Amino acid sequence: LSDGTALYDHFGQGFTLLKLGPHDVDCSTLEQSARTRGVPLTVLRRDEPELHDLYQANIVLIRPDHHVGWRSNFEPNDPGAVIDALRGAIPPSAMSAKIDIGVEPRSIGVLKEIE
């Protein structure tokens, strides 16, 4: 990063929600879904164009092991289902029926990463 630190140094102990680029996407429902489920979530806002280019999305949900769990340019239609899938509350076999990621076709969601 421009301050000499690694991006990973800014991630939280649990999940991290990266909000990238010049657009401030409203993720309040996603944040509330995490809080309701007791899922620790750190929100990190970064404006560096290089990070947006790297992740190719405005919002990225990083798992505690620092892997991308979900990314999009828009908040999902069912944020609770995304949180549930990433925390293992929905079995992988049921994900395609449960999750409507509600994103544009080029965005990557939980379902596309599993396939």
N, C-alpha and C. Protein backbone atom coordinates (compact mmCIF):
# COMPACT_ATOMS: atom_id res chain seq x y z
N LEU A 1 0.83 -1.18 0.00
CA LEU A 1 0.00 0.00 0.00
C LEU A 1 0.88 1.25 0.00
N SER A 2 0.25 2.37 -0.26
CA SER A 2 1.02 3.61 -0.35
C SER A 2 1.72 4.00 0.95
N ASP A 3 1.22 3.50 2.09
CA ASP A 3 1.85 3.83 3.37
C ASP A 3 2.95 2.83 3.75
N GLY A 4 3.23 1.87 2.86
CA GLY A 4 4.29 0.90 3.10
C GLY A 4 3.85 -0.35 3.83
N THR A 5 2.59 -0.42 4.23
CA THR A 5 2.09 -1.61 4.92
C THR A 5 1.48 -2.58 3.92
N ALA A 6 1.33 -3.82 4.36
CA ALA A 6 0.66 -4.83 3.55
C ALA A 6 -0.84 -4.75 3.79
N LEU A 7 -1.62 -4.99 2.77
CA LEU A 7 -3.07 -4.97 2.92
C LEU A 7 -3.52 -5.92 4.02
N TYR A 8 -2.89 -7.10 4.08
CA TYR A 8 -3.26 -8.10 5.08
C TYR A 8 -3.09 -7.59 6.51
N ASP A 9 -2.18 -6.66 6.71
CA ASP A 9 -1.97 -6.10 8.05
C ASP A 9 -3.19 -5.33 8.55
N HIS A 10 -4.08 -4.95 7.65
CA HIS A 10 -5.26 -4.17 8.01
C HIS A 10 -6.52 -5.03 8.16
N PHE A 11 -6.40 -6.32 7.83
CA PHE A 11 -7.56 -7.21 7.95
C PHE A 11 -7.83 -7.48 9.43
N GLY A 12 -9.11 -7.74 9.73
CA GLY A 12 -9.50 -8.07 11.10
C GLY A 12 -9.24 -9.52 11.42
N GLN A 13 -9.54 -9.91 12.65
CA GLN A 13 -9.36 -11.30 13.10
C GLN A 13 -10.37 -12.24 12.46
N GLY A 14 -11.57 -11.72 12.15
CA GLY A 14 -12.61 -12.53 11.52
C GLY A 14 -12.67 -12.23 10.04
N PHE A 15 -13.86 -11.94 9.56
CA PHE A 15 -14.06 -11.56 8.17
C PHE A 15 -13.73 -10.09 7.99
N THR A 16 -13.33 -9.73 6.77
CA THR A 16 -13.06 -8.33 6.43
C THR A 16 -13.85 -7.97 5.19
N LEU A 17 -14.55 -6.87 5.27
CA LEU A 17 -15.28 -6.34 4.12
C LEU A 17 -14.46 -5.21 3.54
N LEU A 18 -13.91 -5.43 2.34
CA LEU A 18 -13.15 -4.40 1.65
C LEU A 18 -14.10 -3.59 0.80
N LYS A 19 -14.07 -2.30 0.97
CA LYS A 19 -14.84 -1.38 0.13
C LYS A 19 -13.81 -0.63 -0.70
N LEU A 20 -13.80 -0.88 -2.00
CA LEU A 20 -12.71 -0.43 -2.87
C LEU A 20 -13.17 0.59 -3.90
N GLY A 21 -12.22 1.40 -4.32
CA GLY A 21 -12.46 2.33 -5.42
C GLY A 21 -13.19 3.59 -5.00
N PRO A 22 -13.53 4.39 -6.00
CA PRO A 22 -14.14 5.70 -5.73
C PRO A 22 -15.61 5.63 -5.34
N HIS A 23 -16.27 4.50 -5.55
CA HIS A 23 -17.70 4.38 -5.26
C HIS A 23 -17.90 3.80 -3.86
N ASP A 24 -18.68 4.50 -3.06
CA ASP A 24 -18.98 4.00 -1.71
C ASP A 24 -20.29 3.22 -1.76
N VAL A 25 -20.19 1.92 -1.96
CA VAL A 25 -21.36 1.05 -2.03
C VAL A 25 -21.93 0.86 -0.63
N ASP A 26 -23.24 1.03 -0.51
CA ASP A 26 -23.90 0.83 0.78
C ASP A 26 -23.93 -0.66 1.10
N CYS A 27 -23.27 -1.06 2.15
CA CYS A 27 -23.22 -2.46 2.58
C CYS A 27 -23.83 -2.64 3.96
N SER A 28 -24.70 -1.73 4.34
CA SER A 28 -25.25 -1.76 5.69
C SER A 28 -26.03 -3.05 5.97
N THR A 29 -26.74 -3.58 4.98
CA THR A 29 -27.50 -4.81 5.20
C THR A 29 -26.56 -5.99 5.37
N LEU A 30 -25.48 -6.02 4.60
CA LEU A 30 -24.48 -7.08 4.74
C LEU A 30 -23.81 -6.99 6.11
N GLU A 31 -23.47 -5.78 6.53
CA GLU A 31 -22.86 -5.58 7.85
C GLU A 31 -23.82 -6.00 8.96
N GLN A 32 -25.09 -5.64 8.84
CA GLN A 32 -26.09 -6.01 9.84
C GLN A 32 -26.29 -7.53 9.88
N SER A 33 -26.26 -8.18 8.71
CA SER A 33 -26.40 -9.64 8.66
C SER A 33 -25.28 -10.33 9.42
N ALA A 34 -24.06 -9.79 9.28
CA ALA A 34 -22.93 -10.36 10.02
C ALA A 34 -23.11 -10.15 11.53
N ARG A 35 -23.50 -8.93 11.93
CA ARG A 35 -23.71 -8.64 13.36
C ARG A 35 -24.79 -9.54 13.95
N THR A 36 -25.91 -9.69 13.25
CA THR A 36 -27.02 -10.51 13.73
C THR A 36 -26.59 -11.95 13.97
N ARG A 37 -25.67 -12.44 13.13
CA ARG A 37 -25.20 -13.83 13.23
C ARG A 37 -23.99 -13.97 14.15
N GLY A 38 -23.53 -12.88 14.73
CA GLY A 38 -22.37 -12.94 15.62
C GLY A 38 -21.06 -13.16 14.87
N VAL A 39 -21.03 -12.80 13.60
CA VAL A 39 -19.83 -12.98 12.78
C VAL A 39 -18.98 -11.71 12.87
N PRO A 40 -17.74 -11.84 13.36
CA PRO A 40 -16.87 -10.66 13.45
C PRO A 40 -16.54 -10.14 12.05
N LEU A 41 -16.77 -8.84 11.83
CA LEU A 41 -16.56 -8.23 10.52
C LEU A 41 -15.86 -6.89 10.69
N THR A 42 -14.73 -6.76 10.05
CA THR A 42 -14.00 -5.50 10.00
C THR A 42 -14.29 -4.88 8.64
N VAL A 43 -14.66 -3.60 8.62
CA VAL A 43 -14.90 -2.90 7.36
C VAL A 43 -13.68 -2.03 7.08
N LEU A 44 -13.11 -2.24 5.90
CA LEU A 44 -11.89 -1.53 5.50
C LEU A 44 -12.15 -0.81 4.19
N ARG A 45 -12.05 0.50 4.20
CA ARG A 45 -12.26 1.33 3.01
C ARG A 45 -10.92 1.73 2.45
N ARG A 46 -10.68 1.39 1.17
CA ARG A 46 -9.42 1.76 0.50
C ARG A 46 -9.74 2.33 -0.87
N ASP A 47 -9.05 3.41 -1.23
CA ASP A 47 -9.31 4.09 -2.50
C ASP A 47 -8.28 3.81 -3.59
N GLU A 48 -7.24 3.04 -3.28
CA GLU A 48 -6.19 2.81 -4.27
C GLU A 48 -6.75 2.10 -5.50
N PRO A 49 -6.56 2.68 -6.69
CA PRO A 49 -7.05 2.03 -7.92
C PRO A 49 -6.44 0.65 -8.15
N GLU A 50 -5.22 0.45 -7.67
CA GLU A 50 -4.56 -0.85 -7.86
C GLU A 50 -5.32 -1.97 -7.14
N LEU A 51 -5.88 -1.67 -5.99
CA LEU A 51 -6.64 -2.69 -5.26
C LEU A 51 -7.95 -3.02 -5.98
N HIS A 52 -8.60 -2.00 -6.49
CA HIS A 52 -9.83 -2.24 -7.26
C HIS A 52 -9.50 -3.07 -8.50
N ASP A 53 -8.40 -2.77 -9.16
CA ASP A 53 -7.99 -3.54 -10.34
C ASP A 53 -7.65 -4.98 -9.96
N LEU A 54 -7.02 -5.16 -8.83
CA LEU A 54 -6.64 -6.50 -8.38
C LEU A 54 -7.87 -7.37 -8.09
N TYR A 55 -8.81 -6.84 -7.33
CA TYR A 55 -9.99 -7.61 -6.93
C TYR A 55 -11.13 -7.52 -7.95
N GLN A 56 -11.07 -6.55 -8.86
CA GLN A 56 -12.07 -6.35 -9.91
C GLN A 56 -13.49 -6.26 -9.36
N ALA A 57 -13.64 -5.55 -8.25
CA ALA A 57 -14.95 -5.39 -7.64
C ALA A 57 -14.92 -4.21 -6.68
N ASN A 58 -16.10 -3.67 -6.38
CA ASN A 58 -16.20 -2.56 -5.43
C ASN A 58 -16.26 -3.04 -3.99
N ILE A 59 -16.80 -4.25 -3.77
CA ILE A 59 -16.86 -4.81 -2.42
C ILE A 59 -16.37 -6.25 -2.46
N VAL A 60 -15.57 -6.59 -1.47
CA VAL A 60 -14.96 -7.91 -1.39
C VAL A 60 -15.07 -8.39 0.05
N LEU A 61 -15.57 -9.59 0.22
CA LEU A 61 -15.68 -10.18 1.55
C LEU A 61 -14.56 -11.20 1.69
N ILE A 62 -13.62 -10.90 2.59
CA ILE A 62 -12.44 -11.73 2.81
C ILE A 62 -12.69 -12.63 4.01
N ARG A 63 -12.42 -13.92 3.83
CA ARG A 63 -12.57 -14.88 4.92
C ARG A 63 -11.43 -14.71 5.93
N PRO A 64 -11.56 -15.28 7.13
CA PRO A 64 -10.49 -15.17 8.12
C PRO A 64 -9.16 -15.77 7.66
N ASP A 65 -9.17 -16.70 6.70
CA ASP A 65 -7.92 -17.26 6.19
C ASP A 65 -7.35 -16.43 5.03
N HIS A 66 -7.91 -15.23 4.83
CA HIS A 66 -7.47 -14.24 3.84
C HIS A 66 -7.79 -14.62 2.40
N HIS A 67 -8.65 -15.59 2.19
CA HIS A 67 -9.12 -15.92 0.84
C HIS A 67 -10.38 -15.11 0.55
N VAL A 68 -10.60 -14.79 -0.72
CA VAL A 68 -11.81 -14.10 -1.12
C VAL A 68 -12.98 -15.06 -1.00
N GLY A 69 -13.97 -14.67 -0.21
CA GLY A 69 -15.17 -15.50 -0.07
C GLY A 69 -16.25 -15.08 -1.04
N TRP A 70 -16.28 -13.78 -1.36
CA TRP A 70 -17.33 -13.25 -2.23
C TRP A 70 -16.89 -11.87 -2.68
N ARG A 71 -17.25 -11.49 -3.92
CA ARG A 71 -16.97 -10.14 -4.39
C ARG A 71 -18.01 -9.72 -5.41
N SER A 72 -18.23 -8.42 -5.49
CA SER A 72 -19.25 -7.88 -6.39
C SER A 72 -19.10 -6.37 -6.47
N ASN A 73 -19.85 -5.78 -7.35
CA ASN A 73 -19.94 -4.32 -7.40
C ASN A 73 -21.16 -3.82 -6.65
N PHE A 74 -22.00 -4.73 -6.18
CA PHE A 74 -23.25 -4.40 -5.51
C PHE A 74 -23.44 -5.28 -4.28
N GLU A 75 -24.19 -4.79 -3.32
CA GLU A 75 -24.54 -5.61 -2.16
C GLU A 75 -25.43 -6.75 -2.66
N PRO A 76 -25.29 -7.96 -2.10
CA PRO A 76 -26.11 -9.09 -2.57
C PRO A 76 -27.59 -8.90 -2.21
N ASN A 77 -28.47 -9.54 -2.99
CA ASN A 77 -29.90 -9.49 -2.70
C ASN A 77 -30.22 -10.14 -1.36
N ASP A 78 -29.46 -11.17 -1.01
CA ASP A 78 -29.68 -11.88 0.26
C ASP A 78 -28.36 -11.94 1.02
N PRO A 79 -27.96 -10.84 1.67
CA PRO A 79 -26.68 -10.82 2.38
C PRO A 79 -26.56 -11.89 3.46
N GLY A 80 -27.68 -12.19 4.11
CA GLY A 80 -27.65 -13.22 5.15
C GLY A 80 -27.24 -14.58 4.60
N ALA A 81 -27.71 -14.90 3.40
CA ALA A 81 -27.35 -16.18 2.78
C ALA A 81 -25.87 -16.22 2.44
N VAL A 82 -25.30 -15.09 2.01
CA VAL A 82 -23.87 -15.04 1.72
C VAL A 82 -23.07 -15.27 3.00
N ILE A 83 -23.44 -14.58 4.07
CA ILE A 83 -22.76 -14.76 5.35
C ILE A 83 -22.91 -16.21 5.82
N ASP A 84 -24.12 -16.74 5.73
CA ASP A 84 -24.36 -18.13 6.16
C ASP A 84 -23.51 -19.11 5.36
N ALA A 85 -23.41 -18.90 4.06
CA ALA A 85 -22.61 -19.80 3.22
C ALA A 85 -21.14 -19.74 3.60
N LEU A 86 -20.64 -18.53 3.83
CA LEU A 86 -19.22 -18.39 4.16
C LEU A 86 -18.87 -18.90 5.55
N ARG A 87 -19.84 -18.90 6.45
CA ARG A 87 -19.55 -19.42 7.80
C ARG A 87 -19.91 -20.90 7.93
N GLY A 88 -20.37 -21.51 6.84
CA GLY A 88 -20.64 -22.95 6.83
C GLY A 88 -22.00 -23.35 7.34
N ALA A 89 -22.93 -22.38 7.47
CA ALA A 89 -24.26 -22.70 7.95
C ALA A 89 -25.16 -23.28 6.86
N ILE A 90 -24.75 -23.13 5.61
CA ILE A 90 -25.48 -23.71 4.48
C ILE A 90 -24.55 -24.73 3.84
N PRO A 91 -24.96 -26.00 3.73
CA PRO A 91 -24.09 -26.99 3.08
C PRO A 91 -23.89 -26.64 1.60
N PRO A 92 -22.70 -26.92 1.06
CA PRO A 92 -22.42 -26.58 -0.34
C PRO A 92 -23.47 -27.12 -1.31
N SER A 93 -24.04 -28.28 -1.03
CA SER A 93 -25.03 -28.87 -1.94
C SER A 93 -26.31 -28.04 -2.00
N ALA A 94 -26.58 -27.24 -0.97
CA ALA A 94 -27.80 -26.44 -0.94
C ALA A 94 -27.57 -25.01 -1.39
N MET A 95 -26.34 -24.62 -1.63
CA MET A 95 -26.04 -23.22 -1.93
C MET A 95 -26.71 -22.72 -3.19
N SER A 96 -26.68 -23.48 -4.27
CA SER A 96 -27.23 -22.97 -5.52
C SER A 96 -28.72 -22.70 -5.39
N ALA A 97 -29.42 -23.45 -4.56
CA ALA A 97 -30.84 -23.22 -4.37
C ALA A 97 -31.11 -22.08 -3.40
N LYS A 98 -30.18 -21.82 -2.48
CA LYS A 98 -30.41 -20.85 -1.41
C LYS A 98 -29.98 -19.43 -1.76
N ILE A 99 -28.84 -19.31 -2.43
CA ILE A 99 -28.24 -17.98 -2.58
C ILE A 99 -28.59 -17.33 -3.91
N ASP A 100 -29.17 -16.15 -3.81
CA ASP A 100 -29.34 -15.28 -4.97
C ASP A 100 -28.34 -14.17 -4.75
N ILE A 101 -27.20 -14.25 -5.45
CA ILE A 101 -26.13 -13.31 -5.17
C ILE A 101 -26.45 -11.92 -5.69
N GLY A 102 -27.38 -11.80 -6.63
CA GLY A 102 -27.86 -10.50 -7.06
C GLY A 102 -26.80 -9.58 -7.58
N VAL A 103 -25.96 -10.07 -8.47
CA VAL A 103 -24.87 -9.26 -9.00
C VAL A 103 -24.90 -9.30 -10.52
N GLU A 104 -24.14 -8.40 -11.11
CA GLU A 104 -24.05 -8.40 -12.56
C GLU A 104 -23.30 -9.65 -13.02
N PRO A 105 -23.50 -10.09 -14.27
CA PRO A 105 -22.94 -11.37 -14.72
C PRO A 105 -21.43 -11.53 -14.57
N ARG A 106 -20.65 -10.47 -14.71
CA ARG A 106 -19.20 -10.63 -14.64
C ARG A 106 -18.67 -10.71 -13.21
N SER A 107 -19.51 -10.44 -12.25
CA SER A 107 -19.08 -10.49 -10.85
C SER A 107 -18.97 -11.93 -10.39
N ILE A 108 -18.11 -12.14 -9.44
CA ILE A 108 -17.91 -13.48 -8.89
C ILE A 108 -18.55 -13.54 -7.53
N GLY A 109 -19.34 -14.57 -7.32
CA GLY A 109 -19.98 -14.77 -6.02
C GLY A 109 -19.61 -16.12 -5.46
N VAL A 110 -20.15 -16.42 -4.33
CA VAL A 110 -19.87 -17.69 -3.67
C VAL A 110 -20.11 -18.86 -4.59
N LEU A 111 -21.22 -18.85 -5.31
CA LEU A 111 -21.57 -19.99 -6.16
C LEU A 111 -20.55 -20.18 -7.27
N LYS A 112 -20.12 -19.12 -7.88
CA LYS A 112 -19.19 -19.25 -9.01
C LYS A 112 -17.81 -19.73 -8.55
N GLU A 113 -17.42 -19.39 -7.34
CA GLU A 113 -16.12 -19.85 -6.86
C GLU A 113 -16.15 -21.33 -6.53
N ILE A 114 -17.28 -21.85 -6.14
CA ILE A 114 -17.39 -23.25 -5.77
C ILE A 114 -17.47 -24.14 -7.00
N GLU A 115 -18.10 -23.65 -8.06
CA GLU A 115 -18.28 -24.47 -9.28
C GLU A 115 -16.98 -24.81 -9.94
